[in-house]
Protein backbone atom coordinates (compact mmCIF):
# COMPACT_ATOMS: atom_id res chain seq x y z
CA MET A 1 -84.93 -1.43 101.49
CA ILE A 2 -85.64 2.05 102.74
CA ILE A 3 -82.81 4.56 103.18
CA ILE A 4 -83.10 7.61 105.39
CA ASN A 5 -80.50 10.36 105.64
CA SER A 6 -81.84 12.28 108.63
CA PRO A 7 -82.78 11.07 112.10
CA SER A 8 -85.97 13.13 111.85
CA GLN A 9 -87.18 10.72 109.14
CA VAL A 10 -87.24 7.77 111.57
CA ILE A 11 -90.81 8.56 112.60
CA GLN A 12 -91.90 8.15 108.97
CA LEU A 13 -90.69 4.56 108.71
CA PRO A 14 -93.41 1.93 108.27
CA LEU A 15 -92.82 0.43 111.72
CA ASP A 16 -94.73 -0.03 114.94
CA ASN A 17 -94.46 2.83 117.45
CA ASP A 18 -92.65 0.67 120.04
CA LEU A 19 -89.95 -0.18 117.52
CA ILE A 20 -89.67 3.43 116.34
CA ASN A 21 -89.34 4.68 119.92
CA ALA A 22 -86.63 2.11 120.72
CA LEU A 23 -84.80 3.04 117.51
CA ILE A 24 -84.92 6.76 118.31
CA LEU A 25 -83.55 6.12 121.81
CA GLU A 26 -80.60 4.17 120.42
CA ILE A 27 -79.79 6.71 117.70
CA GLU A 28 -79.97 9.69 120.07
CA GLN A 29 -78.27 8.03 123.07
CA PRO A 30 -74.65 9.01 122.29
CA PHE A 31 -75.52 12.68 121.72
CA GLU A 32 -76.42 15.54 124.04
CA SER A 33 -79.39 16.72 121.96
CA VAL A 34 -81.56 15.99 118.94
CA VAL A 35 -79.89 18.91 117.16
CA ALA A 36 -76.45 17.36 117.75
CA VAL A 37 -77.62 14.06 116.22
CA THR A 38 -78.97 15.84 113.16
CA VAL A 39 -75.83 17.93 112.69
CA PHE A 40 -73.62 14.86 113.02
CA TRP A 41 -75.64 12.92 110.43
CA GLN A 42 -75.42 15.87 108.02
CA GLN A 43 -71.70 16.42 108.49
CA THR A 44 -70.75 12.75 108.20
CA ASN A 45 -73.31 11.50 105.68
CA THR A 46 -74.62 9.00 108.19
CA ARG A 47 -77.69 7.09 107.09
CA LEU A 48 -80.02 4.36 108.21
CA LEU A 49 -80.95 1.38 106.06
CA LEU A 50 -84.19 -0.41 106.89
CA ILE A 51 -84.30 -3.92 105.54
CA GLU A 52 -87.88 -5.05 105.26
CA PRO A 53 -89.08 -8.66 105.70
CA ASP A 54 -89.69 -9.17 101.97
CA ASP A 55 -86.27 -7.82 100.93
CA ASP A 56 -83.69 -10.20 99.49
CA LEU A 57 -80.73 -9.39 101.70
CA ASP A 58 -78.21 -11.33 99.60
CA ASN A 59 -79.12 -9.49 96.38
CA LEU A 60 -79.27 -6.12 98.11
CA SER A 61 -75.83 -6.56 99.65
CA LYS A 62 -74.36 -7.48 96.26
CA SER A 63 -75.64 -4.23 94.74
CA ASP A 64 -74.91 -1.93 97.71
CA PRO A 65 -71.31 -1.98 99.01
CA VAL A 66 -72.21 0.05 102.11
CA LEU A 67 -74.86 -2.51 103.05
CA ALA A 68 -72.39 -5.34 102.45
CA PHE A 69 -69.86 -3.59 104.72
CA ALA A 70 -72.50 -2.95 107.40
CA LEU A 71 -73.45 -6.62 107.41
CA GLU A 72 -69.86 -7.82 107.58
CA TYR A 73 -68.27 -5.31 109.97
CA PRO A 74 -70.71 -3.91 112.53
CA GLU A 75 -69.24 -1.96 115.44
CA TRP A 76 -72.08 -3.21 117.59
CA VAL A 77 -75.40 -5.03 117.32
CA ILE A 78 -78.36 -4.67 119.67
CA HIS A 79 -81.73 -6.32 119.74
CA LEU A 80 -84.84 -4.16 119.54
CA PRO A 81 -88.54 -4.96 120.00
CA GLN A 82 -90.47 -7.06 117.51
CA ASP A 83 -87.48 -9.27 116.73
CA HIS A 84 -85.44 -6.56 115.01
CA GLN A 85 -81.78 -5.78 115.37
CA LEU A 86 -79.91 -2.53 114.96
CA SER A 87 -76.24 -2.38 114.07
CA LEU A 88 -73.83 0.36 113.24
CA ALA A 89 -70.92 0.20 110.82
CA VAL A 90 -68.50 3.11 110.85
CA THR A 91 -67.52 3.82 107.25
CA THR A 92 -65.61 7.11 107.42
CA ASP A 93 -62.69 8.52 109.39
CA ASP A 94 -64.92 11.23 110.87
CA GLY A 95 -67.14 8.64 112.55
CA GLY A 96 -69.92 8.61 110.00
CA GLY A 97 -71.49 5.40 109.01
CA CYS A 98 -74.50 3.31 108.40
CA TYR A 99 -77.12 2.11 110.83
CA LEU A 100 -78.78 -1.10 109.73
CA LEU A 101 -82.22 -2.02 111.04
CA CYS A 102 -83.35 -5.47 110.05
CA PRO A 103 -85.62 -8.30 111.19
CA THR A 104 -83.33 -10.64 113.12
CA GLN A 105 -84.51 -13.64 111.14
CA LEU A 106 -83.23 -12.16 107.85
CA ILE A 107 -79.73 -11.81 109.30
CA LYS A 108 -79.77 -15.38 110.60
CA SER A 109 -81.00 -16.82 107.29
CA SER A 110 -78.43 -14.89 105.23
CA LYS A 111 -75.60 -16.36 107.31
CA ASP A 112 -76.82 -19.96 106.98
């Protein structure tokens, strides 16, 4: 699992450019500017968790309560390129939370 605490770090994730571009569009969409996204993440301790194909989602969720919450109570889930899904769980009263980017197959297999 990779954790990023700033939207500017998205481009450093070990992902294909199409997936990174789709992810950036979704993260920036609710805001009027890139600066506004960055400020919001800083003020609310928002973060993004990238679950990689080799990660054991069950074990990770047992050791990370925020991940467990994000898996159980997403505000929304959308499908991105390359069979990935992005969800958002709001974890604080000020709207901060946790984005979760994960291969769709890992989510399906963890619920079986």
